[in-house]
Amino acid sequence: MSRIVFLNGSFLPIEEAKVPFMDRGFLFGDGVYEGVGMLDGRLIDNEAHLERLERSLGEVRIANPYSKAEWTALQEELARRNGMTEGFIYFQVTRGVAERDFFFPENAKPTVAMFTQAKAIANAPAAEKGIAVVTVPDLRWQRRDIKSINLLAQVLAKQAAKEAGAQEAWLVEDGFVTEGGSSSAFIVTKAGSIVVRPLSQAILPGITRKSLLRLSQESGIVLEERRFTVAEAYEAGEAFLTSASNFVLPVVSIDGRPVADGRPGPITTRLRQLYLQMASAPAMAAE
C-alpha cells in the first residue's frame, strides 16, 4: 500500500503529491515545521508542539492555516490512513507560491504538507545501548528558537557525525554546547544533577525537553539550567538527548571518549522510563 500524505487540504498517495515549482519553501526555505511522536496511537505532547508551531509561524509572519483541533484531527486521520500507531508525524507550513521576490507576497496561500514515519520508539535498540555523538561548530543563524525549515547547517553537522561513526552531532559555540543537530543536549554531573542549557534565541525550545524537565523536578532530581562546555561534557557522569522522534536516548560516547563507563546511566534510564510512563498514560489521549 502506498504511503498516504497530506498536502493542501487533501489526503493522497505520496506519488501524487506535488508542490509547485515556485513555492517559497523550495526557493527560500521560507517556512517552519514541527514533528510529533506517536505511541500506542496517541500523539505525544501534541498541544505543546502545536503551540510552538503557532509561535514559529508568528515569528516569521505566516498565518496559521488551522486551529489546534483541526491540526490534531488531520494528524490522527493521517496516522489512521497509514495504519501507524508508533512513529513520527512531520508537518510543515511554507509561505506559499509566488513569483521569486524576497519581499513577502501579498496574496500567497500557505502550503501545508504532512507525512508519517513509522518507527520503534519505546523499544528502540539505541535506548538500550546508547549512542555516540561528536561535537562540531554551530554554524546556524541567530534565531534558532524558530523551527525553520532552513536546516542546511544541521544536515552538514549530522553528516559529519555519520562519517565519524556517530549518530548525532552536538553543536558548539564559544566552547559551549548549544544543542544537538535534531535534539536537546543534556549532561548529568557526577553529583547527580541534570544540566541543560537555558532557553534563549540560541536554541530551539524543545517540547520533549520541557516535559522531561517537569518530570525530573517532580521526581526530586536536581536540575541546573546553565551552559556547559565540551570539556565538562567529557567529564560528565552521564549524558543524554531528547527529541520528539526518540524521546530520551543515552549518550555513551562524545568525540570518541566514553561517558563514564560507556554505558547508559541510572538517571538517564530512570528519566526515559518516566517519559514512557507519561506518554503511555490514558490522559495523553486527550491531548
C-alpha atoms as a PDB file:
ATOM      1  CA  MET A   1       0.000   0.000   0.000  1.00  0.00           C
ATOM      2  CA  SER A   2       1.342   3.416  -0.945  1.00  0.00           C
ATOM      3  CA  ARG A   3       2.084   5.831   1.864  1.00  0.00           C
ATOM      4  CA  ILE A   4      -0.632   8.457   2.217  1.00  0.00           C
ATOM      5  CA  VAL A   5       0.415  12.057   2.773  1.00  0.00           C
ATOM      6  CA  PHE A   6      -1.480  15.285   3.344  1.00  0.00           C
ATOM      7  CA  LEU A   7      -0.978  18.252   1.035  1.00  0.00           C
ATOM      8  CA  ASN A   8      -3.019  21.440   0.921  1.00  0.00           C
ATOM      9  CA  GLY A   9      -6.280  20.003   2.143  1.00  0.00           C
ATOM     10  CA  SER A  10      -6.113  16.556   0.539  1.00  0.00           C
ATOM     11  CA  PHE A  11      -5.005  13.076   1.588  1.00  0.00           C
ATOM     12  CA  LEU A  12      -3.351  11.359  -1.362  1.00  0.00           C
ATOM     13  CA  PRO A  13      -0.716   8.759  -2.288  1.00  0.00           C
ATOM     14  CA  ILE A  14       2.793  10.139  -1.948  1.00  0.00           C
ATOM     15  CA  GLU A  15       3.425   9.558  -5.666  1.00  0.00           C
ATOM     16  CA  GLU A  16       0.663  12.029  -6.484  1.00  0.00           C
ATOM     17  CA  ALA A  17       1.748  14.750  -4.056  1.00  0.00           C
ATOM     18  CA  LYS A  18       3.269  17.665  -5.982  1.00  0.00           C
ATOM     19  CA  VAL A  19       4.446  21.032  -4.653  1.00  0.00           C
ATOM     20  CA  PRO A  20       4.572  23.907  -7.198  1.00  0.00           C
ATOM     21  CA  PHE A  21       7.983  24.858  -8.528  1.00  0.00           C
ATOM     22  CA  MET A  22       7.634  28.456  -7.279  1.00  0.00           C
ATOM     23  CA  ASP A  23       6.825  27.534  -3.695  1.00  0.00           C
ATOM     24  CA  ARG A  24       8.817  29.769  -1.352  1.00  0.00           C
ATOM     25  CA  GLY A  25       9.759  26.808   0.785  1.00  0.00           C
ATOM     26  CA  PHE A  26      11.687  25.444  -2.194  1.00  0.00           C
ATOM     27  CA  LEU A  27      13.088  28.798  -3.341  1.00  0.00           C
ATOM     28  CA  PHE A  28      13.916  30.420   0.009  1.00  0.00           C
ATOM     29  CA  GLY A  29      13.398  27.861   2.758  1.00  0.00           C
ATOM     30  CA  ASP A  30      10.622  30.251   3.764  1.00  0.00           C
ATOM     31  CA  GLY A  31       8.632  28.173   6.209  1.00  0.00           C
ATOM     32  CA  VAL A  32       8.530  26.352   9.528  1.00  0.00           C
ATOM     33  CA  TYR A  33       7.890  22.777  10.610  1.00  0.00           C
ATOM     34  CA  GLU A  34       7.001  20.539  13.521  1.00  0.00           C
ATOM     35  CA  GLY A  35       7.289  16.867  14.361  1.00  0.00           C
ATOM     36  CA  VAL A  36       5.267  14.866  16.875  1.00  0.00           C
ATOM     37  CA  GLY A  37       5.909  11.408  18.242  1.00  0.00           C
ATOM     38  CA  MET A  38       3.155   8.787  18.399  1.00  0.00           C
ATOM     39  CA  LEU A  39       2.971   5.896  20.835  1.00  0.00           C
ATOM     40  CA  ASP A  40       0.131   3.376  21.051  1.00  0.00           C
ATOM     41  CA  GLY A  41      -1.849   5.532  18.654  1.00  0.00           C
ATOM     42  CA  ARG A  42      -1.529   8.641  20.844  1.00  0.00           C
ATOM     43  CA  LEU A  43       0.060  11.942  19.839  1.00  0.00           C
ATOM     44  CA  ILE A  44       2.667  12.775  22.476  1.00  0.00           C
ATOM     45  CA  ASP A  45       2.875  16.349  23.823  1.00  0.00           C
ATOM     46  CA  ASN A  46       0.849  17.456  20.816  1.00  0.00           C
ATOM     47  CA  GLU A  47      -0.670  20.515  22.489  1.00  0.00           C
ATOM     48  CA  ALA A  48       2.807  21.904  23.206  1.00  0.00           C
ATOM     49  CA  HIS A  49       4.008  21.113  19.676  1.00  0.00           C
ATOM     50  CA  LEU A  50       1.079  22.981  18.175  1.00  0.00           C
ATOM     51  CA  GLU A  51       1.731  25.931  20.476  1.00  0.00           C
ATOM     52  CA  ARG A  52       5.348  26.009  19.299  1.00  0.00           C
ATOM     53  CA  LEU A  53       4.169  25.847  15.684  1.00  0.00           C
ATOM     54  CA  GLU A  54       1.910  28.829  16.344  1.00  0.00           C
ATOM     55  CA  ARG A  55       4.846  30.727  17.831  1.00  0.00           C
ATOM     56  CA  SER A  56       7.206  29.902  14.948  1.00  0.00           C
ATOM     57  CA  LEU A  57       4.582  30.950  12.388  1.00  0.00           C
ATOM     58  CA  GLY A  58       4.035  34.187  14.257  1.00  0.00           C
ATOM     59  CA  GLU A  59       7.759  34.958  14.352  1.00  0.00           C
ATOM     60  CA  VAL A  60       8.044  34.643  10.552  1.00  0.00           C
ATOM     61  CA  ARG A  61       4.598  36.200   9.957  1.00  0.00           C
ATOM     62  CA  ILE A  62       2.826  33.301   8.261  1.00  0.00           C
ATOM     63  CA  ALA A  63      -0.844  32.844   9.124  1.00  0.00           C
ATOM     64  CA  ASN A  64      -1.608  29.538  10.822  1.00  0.00           C
ATOM     65  CA  PRO A  65      -3.921  27.733   8.379  1.00  0.00           C
ATOM     66  CA  TYR A  66      -5.604  25.523  11.004  1.00  0.00           C
ATOM     67  CA  SER A  67      -6.799  25.601  14.593  1.00  0.00           C
ATOM     68  CA  LYS A  68      -5.294  23.200  17.145  1.00  0.00           C
ATOM     69  CA  ALA A  69      -8.357  20.987  16.899  1.00  0.00           C
ATOM     70  CA  GLU A  70      -8.104  20.896  13.098  1.00  0.00           C
ATOM     71  CA  TRP A  71      -4.381  20.103  13.177  1.00  0.00           C
ATOM     72  CA  THR A  72      -4.999  17.279  15.643  1.00  0.00           C
ATOM     73  CA  ALA A  73      -7.799  15.814  13.544  1.00  0.00           C
ATOM     74  CA  LEU A  74      -5.583  15.886  10.440  1.00  0.00           C
ATOM     75  CA  GLN A  75      -2.690  14.229  12.262  1.00  0.00           C
ATOM     76  CA  GLU A  76      -4.872  11.475  13.656  1.00  0.00           C
ATOM     77  CA  GLU A  77      -6.541  10.857  10.298  1.00  0.00           C
ATOM     78  CA  LEU A  78      -3.179  10.675   8.527  1.00  0.00           C
ATOM     79  CA  ALA A  79      -1.892   8.157  11.059  1.00  0.00           C
ATOM     80  CA  ARG A  80      -5.089   6.119  10.672  1.00  0.00           C
ATOM     81  CA  ARG A  81      -4.828   6.066   6.877  1.00  0.00           C
ATOM     82  CA  ASN A  82      -1.258   4.808   7.127  1.00  0.00           C
ATOM     83  CA  GLY A  83      -2.010   2.284   9.863  1.00  0.00           C
ATOM     84  CA  MET A  84       0.627   3.871  12.097  1.00  0.00           C
ATOM     85  CA  THR A  85       0.368   3.565  15.869  1.00  0.00           C
ATOM     86  CA  GLU A  86       4.032   4.224  16.747  1.00  0.00           C
ATOM     87  CA  GLY A  87       6.352   6.615  14.996  1.00  0.00           C
ATOM     88  CA  PHE A  88       6.623  10.224  13.959  1.00  0.00           C
ATOM     89  CA  ILE A  89       4.409  12.742  12.168  1.00  0.00           C
ATOM     90  CA  TYR A  90       6.138  15.578  10.323  1.00  0.00           C
ATOM     91  CA  PHE A  91       4.295  18.665   9.142  1.00  0.00           C
ATOM     92  CA  GLN A  92       5.404  21.966   7.652  1.00  0.00           C
ATOM     93  CA  VAL A  93       3.942  25.256   6.511  1.00  0.00           C
ATOM     94  CA  THR A  94       5.585  27.480   3.904  1.00  0.00           C
ATOM     95  CA  ARG A  95       4.602  30.977   2.855  1.00  0.00           C
ATOM     96  CA  GLY A  96       3.217  29.549  -0.362  1.00  0.00           C
ATOM     97  CA  VAL A  97       3.568  30.047  -4.099  1.00  0.00           C
ATOM     98  CA  ALA A  98       4.587  33.363  -5.641  1.00  0.00           C
ATOM     99  CA  GLU A  99       6.994  34.884  -8.149  1.00  0.00           C
ATOM    100  CA  ARG A 100      10.529  34.811  -6.753  1.00  0.00           C
ATOM    101  CA  ASP A 101      10.995  38.013  -4.781  1.00  0.00           C
ATOM    102  CA  PHE A 102      12.475  38.491  -1.324  1.00  0.00           C
ATOM    103  CA  PHE A 103       9.522  40.604  -0.181  1.00  0.00           C
ATOM    104  CA  PHE A 104       6.507  38.829   1.290  1.00  0.00           C
ATOM    105  CA  PRO A 105       3.891  38.173  -1.410  1.00  0.00           C
ATOM    106  CA  GLU A 106       0.584  39.878  -0.667  1.00  0.00           C
ATOM    107  CA  ASN A 107      -1.888  37.126  -1.532  1.00  0.00           C
ATOM    108  CA  ALA A 108       0.021  33.851  -1.286  1.00  0.00           C
ATOM    109  CA  LYS A 109      -1.763  30.968   0.422  1.00  0.00           C
ATOM    110  CA  PRO A 110       0.399  28.877   2.801  1.00  0.00           C
ATOM    111  CA  THR A 111       1.455  25.446   1.596  1.00  0.00           C
ATOM    112  CA  VAL A 112       0.765  22.706   4.162  1.00  0.00           C
ATOM    113  CA  ALA A 113       2.409  19.276   3.934  1.00  0.00           C
ATOM    114  CA  MET A 114       2.339  16.343   6.348  1.00  0.00           C
ATOM    115  CA  PHE A 115       3.625  12.768   6.347  1.00  0.00           C
ATOM    116  CA  THR A 116       4.191   9.838   8.711  1.00  0.00           C
ATOM    117  CA  GLN A 117       7.310   7.814   9.530  1.00  0.00           C
ATOM    118  CA  ALA A 118       6.674   4.534  11.314  1.00  0.00           C
ATOM    119  CA  LYS A 119       9.478   3.590  13.712  1.00  0.00           C
ATOM    120  CA  ALA A 120      10.059   1.819  17.003  1.00  0.00           C
ATOM    121  CA  ILE A 121      10.435   4.401  19.763  1.00  0.00           C
ATOM    122  CA  ALA A 122       9.505   2.687  23.012  1.00  0.00           C
ATOM    123  CA  ASN A 123      11.783  -0.315  22.383  1.00  0.00           C
ATOM    124  CA  ALA A 124      14.416   1.338  20.219  1.00  0.00           C
ATOM    125  CA  PRO A 125      17.743  -0.568  20.379  1.00  0.00           C
ATOM    126  CA  ALA A 126      19.597   2.742  20.802  1.00  0.00           C
ATOM    127  CA  ALA A 127      17.855   3.241  24.120  1.00  0.00           C
ATOM    128  CA  GLU A 128      19.431   0.051  25.453  1.00  0.00           C
ATOM    129  CA  LYS A 129      22.942   0.544  24.119  1.00  0.00           C
ATOM    130  CA  GLY A 130      23.232   4.307  23.964  1.00  0.00           C
ATOM    131  CA  ILE A 131      24.562   6.369  21.083  1.00  0.00           C
ATOM    132  CA  ALA A 132      27.712   8.242  20.158  1.00  0.00           C
ATOM    133  CA  VAL A 133      27.871  11.961  19.446  1.00  0.00           C
ATOM    134  CA  VAL A 134      30.566  14.196  18.041  1.00  0.00           C
ATOM    135  CA  THR A 135      30.961  17.924  18.549  1.00  0.00           C
ATOM    136  CA  VAL A 136      31.009  20.303  15.578  1.00  0.00           C
ATOM    137  CA  PRO A 137      30.929  24.117  15.272  1.00  0.00           C
ATOM    138  CA  ASP A 138      27.463  25.666  15.393  1.00  0.00           C
ATOM    139  CA  LEU A 139      27.137  27.455  12.041  1.00  0.00           C
ATOM    140  CA  ARG A 140      23.431  28.312  12.213  1.00  0.00           C
ATOM    141  CA  TRP A 141      21.653  31.660  12.078  1.00  0.00           C
ATOM    142  CA  GLN A 142      20.795  33.702  15.170  1.00  0.00           C
ATOM    143  CA  ARG A 143      17.087  32.772  15.517  1.00  0.00           C
ATOM    144  CA  ARG A 144      17.402  29.117  16.403  1.00  0.00           C
ATOM    145  CA  ASP A 145      14.311  29.389  18.595  1.00  0.00           C
ATOM    146  CA  ILE A 146      12.232  29.399  15.380  1.00  0.00           C
ATOM    147  CA  LYS A 147      11.720  25.893  13.988  1.00  0.00           C
ATOM    148  CA  SER A 148      12.648  26.926  10.473  1.00  0.00           C
ATOM    149  CA  ILE A 149      12.896  24.562   7.519  1.00  0.00           C
ATOM    150  CA  ASN A 150      16.363  26.060   6.842  1.00  0.00           C
ATOM    151  CA  LEU A 151      18.342  23.027   8.015  1.00  0.00           C
ATOM    152  CA  LEU A 152      21.496  23.003   5.878  1.00  0.00           C
ATOM    153  CA  ALA A 153      23.817  23.577   8.857  1.00  0.00           C
ATOM    154  CA  GLN A 154      22.194  20.680  10.693  1.00  0.00           C
ATOM    155  CA  VAL A 155      22.428  18.465   7.601  1.00  0.00           C
ATOM    156  CA  LEU A 156      26.170  19.136   7.370  1.00  0.00           C
ATOM    157  CA  ALA A 157      26.635  18.587  11.110  1.00  0.00           C
ATOM    158  CA  LYS A 158      24.755  15.291  11.155  1.00  0.00           C
ATOM    159  CA  GLN A 159      26.567  14.073   8.047  1.00  0.00           C
ATOM    160  CA  ALA A 160      29.866  14.819   9.802  1.00  0.00           C
ATOM    161  CA  ALA A 161      28.630  12.755  12.736  1.00  0.00           C
ATOM    162  CA  LYS A 162      27.666   9.868  10.465  1.00  0.00           C
ATOM    163  CA  GLU A 163      31.060   9.899   8.767  1.00  0.00           C
ATOM    164  CA  ALA A 164      32.693   9.792  12.215  1.00  0.00           C
ATOM    165  CA  GLY A 165      30.633   6.729  13.156  1.00  0.00           C
ATOM    166  CA  ALA A 166      28.307   8.657  15.474  1.00  0.00           C
ATOM    167  CA  GLN A 167      24.522   9.024  15.494  1.00  0.00           C
ATOM    168  CA  GLU A 168      24.198  12.713  16.432  1.00  0.00           C
ATOM    169  CA  ALA A 169      26.166  15.954  16.389  1.00  0.00           C
ATOM    170  CA  TRP A 170      26.363  18.324  19.343  1.00  0.00           C
ATOM    171  CA  LEU A 171      26.733  21.891  18.122  1.00  0.00           C
ATOM    172  CA  VAL A 172      29.294  24.095  19.850  1.00  0.00           C
ATOM    173  CA  GLU A 173      29.539  27.884  20.076  1.00  0.00           C
ATOM    174  CA  ASP A 174      32.247  29.730  22.039  1.00  0.00           C
ATOM    175  CA  GLY A 175      33.224  26.452  23.682  1.00  0.00           C
ATOM    176  CA  PHE A 176      29.696  25.740  24.967  1.00  0.00           C
ATOM    177  CA  VAL A 177      27.292  23.081  23.698  1.00  0.00           C
ATOM    178  CA  THR A 178      24.135  24.655  22.294  1.00  0.00           C
ATOM    179  CA  GLU A 179      22.078  21.602  21.310  1.00  0.00           C
ATOM    180  CA  GLY A 180      22.076  18.581  19.034  1.00  0.00           C
ATOM    181  CA  GLY A 181      21.554  18.636  15.296  1.00  0.00           C
ATOM    182  CA  SER A 182      17.964  17.489  15.878  1.00  0.00           C
ATOM    183  CA  SER A 183      17.757  17.159  19.651  1.00  0.00           C
ATOM    184  CA  SER A 184      18.279  18.837  23.010  1.00  0.00           C
ATOM    185  CA  ALA A 185      21.575  18.057  24.772  1.00  0.00           C
ATOM    186  CA  PHE A 186      21.912  17.156  28.472  1.00  0.00           C
ATOM    187  CA  ILE A 187      24.638  16.040  30.806  1.00  0.00           C
ATOM    188  CA  VAL A 188      24.426  14.656  34.333  1.00  0.00           C
ATOM    189  CA  THR A 189      27.102  15.720  36.806  1.00  0.00           C
ATOM    190  CA  LYS A 190      28.880  13.137  38.900  1.00  0.00           C
ATOM    191  CA  ALA A 191      26.911  14.533  41.845  1.00  0.00           C
ATOM    192  CA  GLY A 192      23.684  13.575  40.058  1.00  0.00           C
ATOM    193  CA  SER A 193      22.405  16.929  38.801  1.00  0.00           C
ATOM    194  CA  ILE A 194      20.917  17.314  35.312  1.00  0.00           C
ATOM    195  CA  VAL A 195      22.455  20.164  33.338  1.00  0.00           C
ATOM    196  CA  VAL A 196      20.772  21.698  30.287  1.00  0.00           C
ATOM    197  CA  ARG A 197      21.273  24.997  28.513  1.00  0.00           C
ATOM    198  CA  PRO A 198      18.598  27.611  29.375  1.00  0.00           C
ATOM    199  CA  LEU A 199      16.176  28.754  26.696  1.00  0.00           C
ATOM    200  CA  SER A 200      17.133  31.699  24.511  1.00  0.00           C
ATOM    201  CA  GLN A 201      17.292  32.533  20.826  1.00  0.00           C
ATOM    202  CA  ALA A 202      20.405  30.310  20.707  1.00  0.00           C
ATOM    203  CA  ILE A 203      18.422  27.055  20.926  1.00  0.00           C
ATOM    204  CA  LEU A 204      15.075  25.567  19.990  1.00  0.00           C
ATOM    205  CA  PRO A 205      12.615  25.299  22.896  1.00  0.00           C
ATOM    206  CA  GLY A 206      12.381  21.514  22.788  1.00  0.00           C
ATOM    207  CA  ILE A 207       8.986  20.064  23.680  1.00  0.00           C
ATOM    208  CA  THR A 208      10.357  16.753  24.947  1.00  0.00           C
ATOM    209  CA  ARG A 209      12.952  18.801  26.835  1.00  0.00           C
ATOM    210  CA  LYS A 210      10.163  20.758  28.525  1.00  0.00           C
ATOM    211  CA  SER A 211       8.290  17.638  29.623  1.00  0.00           C
ATOM    212  CA  LEU A 212      11.461  15.960  30.829  1.00  0.00           C
ATOM    213  CA  LEU A 213      12.417  18.936  32.991  1.00  0.00           C
ATOM    214  CA  ARG A 214       8.995  18.808  34.619  1.00  0.00           C
ATOM    215  CA  LEU A 215       9.278  15.066  35.214  1.00  0.00           C
ATOM    216  CA  SER A 216      12.763  15.395  36.685  1.00  0.00           C
ATOM    217  CA  GLN A 217      11.653  18.104  39.123  1.00  0.00           C
ATOM    218  CA  GLU A 218       8.595  16.088  40.159  1.00  0.00           C
ATOM    219  CA  SER A 219      10.932  13.158  40.846  1.00  0.00           C
ATOM    220  CA  GLY A 220      13.301  15.202  43.004  1.00  0.00           C
ATOM    221  CA  ILE A 221      16.220  15.157  40.570  1.00  0.00           C
ATOM    222  CA  VAL A 222      18.325  18.300  40.867  1.00  0.00           C
ATOM    223  CA  LEU A 223      18.206  20.486  37.752  1.00  0.00           C
ATOM    224  CA  GLU A 224      20.734  23.107  36.664  1.00  0.00           C
ATOM    225  CA  GLU A 225      19.683  25.271  33.715  1.00  0.00           C
ATOM    226  CA  ARG A 226      23.028  26.672  32.602  1.00  0.00           C
ATOM    227  CA  ARG A 227      25.511  26.414  29.786  1.00  0.00           C
ATOM    228  CA  PHE A 228      28.057  23.616  29.808  1.00  0.00           C
ATOM    229  CA  THR A 229      31.327  23.247  27.934  1.00  0.00           C
ATOM    230  CA  VAL A 230      32.564  20.390  25.813  1.00  0.00           C
ATOM    231  CA  ALA A 231      35.251  19.761  28.446  1.00  0.00           C
ATOM    232  CA  GLU A 232      32.581  19.426  31.137  1.00  0.00           C
ATOM    233  CA  ALA A 233      30.636  17.027  28.933  1.00  0.00           C
ATOM    234  CA  TYR A 234      33.741  14.843  28.574  1.00  0.00           C
ATOM    235  CA  GLU A 235      33.902  14.533  32.377  1.00  0.00           C
ATOM    236  CA  ALA A 236      30.175  14.059  32.977  1.00  0.00           C
ATOM    237  CA  GLY A 237      28.713  11.163  34.909  1.00  0.00           C
ATOM    238  CA  GLU A 238      26.060  10.658  32.208  1.00  0.00           C
ATOM    239  CA  ALA A 239      24.819  12.339  29.042  1.00  0.00           C
ATOM    240  CA  PHE A 240      21.636  12.064  27.032  1.00  0.00           C
ATOM    241  CA  LEU A 241      19.486  13.773  24.433  1.00  0.00           C
ATOM    242  CA  THR A 242      15.773  14.326  23.952  1.00  0.00           C
ATOM    243  CA  SER A 243      13.628  14.708  20.844  1.00  0.00           C
ATOM    244  CA  ALA A 244      10.083  14.036  19.700  1.00  0.00           C
ATOM    245  CA  SER A 245      11.207  11.158  17.481  1.00  0.00           C
ATOM    246  CA  ASN A 246      13.394   9.450  20.109  1.00  0.00           C
ATOM    247  CA  PHE A 247      12.032  10.622  23.489  1.00  0.00           C
ATOM    248  CA  VAL A 248      15.141  10.114  25.679  1.00  0.00           C
ATOM    249  CA  LEU A 249      18.339   8.483  24.421  1.00  0.00           C
ATOM    250  CA  PRO A 250      21.520   7.876  26.440  1.00  0.00           C
ATOM    251  CA  VAL A 251      24.767   9.247  25.038  1.00  0.00           C
ATOM    252  CA  VAL A 252      27.641   6.905  25.881  1.00  0.00           C
ATOM    253  CA  SER A 253      30.432   8.457  23.806  1.00  0.00           C
ATOM    254  CA  ILE A 254      31.428  12.047  22.957  1.00  0.00           C
ATOM    255  CA  ASP A 255      34.120  12.614  20.318  1.00  0.00           C
ATOM    256  CA  GLY A 256      35.252   9.017  20.742  1.00  0.00           C
ATOM    257  CA  ARG A 257      35.606   9.335  24.526  1.00  0.00           C
ATOM    258  CA  PRO A 258      33.363   7.128  26.684  1.00  0.00           C
ATOM    259  CA  VAL A 259      30.999   8.926  29.012  1.00  0.00           C
ATOM    260  CA  ALA A 260      31.830   7.483  32.455  1.00  0.00           C
ATOM    261  CA  ASP A 261      31.852   3.693  31.941  1.00  0.00           C
ATOM    262  CA  GLY A 262      30.441   3.946  28.407  1.00  0.00           C
ATOM    263  CA  ARG A 263      27.039   2.553  29.309  1.00  0.00           C
ATOM    264  CA  PRO A 264      23.622   4.191  29.832  1.00  0.00           C
ATOM    265  CA  GLY A 265      23.495   5.648  33.332  1.00  0.00           C
ATOM    266  CA  PRO A 266      20.827   5.169  36.016  1.00  0.00           C
ATOM    267  CA  ILE A 267      19.433   8.712  35.909  1.00  0.00           C
ATOM    268  CA  THR A 268      19.054   8.641  32.133  1.00  0.00           C
ATOM    269  CA  THR A 269      17.395   5.229  32.320  1.00  0.00           C
ATOM    270  CA  ARG A 270      15.020   6.468  35.020  1.00  0.00           C
ATOM    271  CA  LEU A 271      14.105   9.584  33.036  1.00  0.00           C
ATOM    272  CA  ARG A 272      13.375   7.558  29.926  1.00  0.00           C
ATOM    273  CA  GLN A 273      11.105   5.275  31.941  1.00  0.00           C
ATOM    274  CA  LEU A 274       9.313   8.285  33.424  1.00  0.00           C
ATOM    275  CA  TYR A 275       8.767   9.771  29.993  1.00  0.00           C
ATOM    276  CA  LEU A 276       7.467   6.491  28.585  1.00  0.00           C
ATOM    277  CA  GLN A 277       5.075   6.179  31.522  1.00  0.00           C
ATOM    278  CA  MET A 278       3.789   9.692  30.871  1.00  0.00           C
ATOM    279  CA  ALA A 279       3.452   9.020  27.141  1.00  0.00           C
ATOM    280  CA  SER A 280       1.545   5.795  27.795  1.00  0.00           C
ATOM    281  CA  ALA A 281      -0.856   7.292  30.321  1.00  0.00           C
ATOM    282  CA  PRO A 282      -4.505   7.443  29.190  1.00  0.00           C
ATOM    283  CA  ALA A 283      -4.586  11.177  29.939  1.00  0.00           C
ATOM    284  CA  MET A 284      -2.241  11.741  26.997  1.00  0.00           C
ATOM    285  CA  ALA A 285      -5.031  10.716  24.637  1.00  0.00           C
ATOM    286  CA  ALA A 286      -6.872  13.933  25.475  1.00  0.00           C
ATOM    287  CA  GLU A 287      -4.001  15.954  24.071  1.00  0.00           C
END
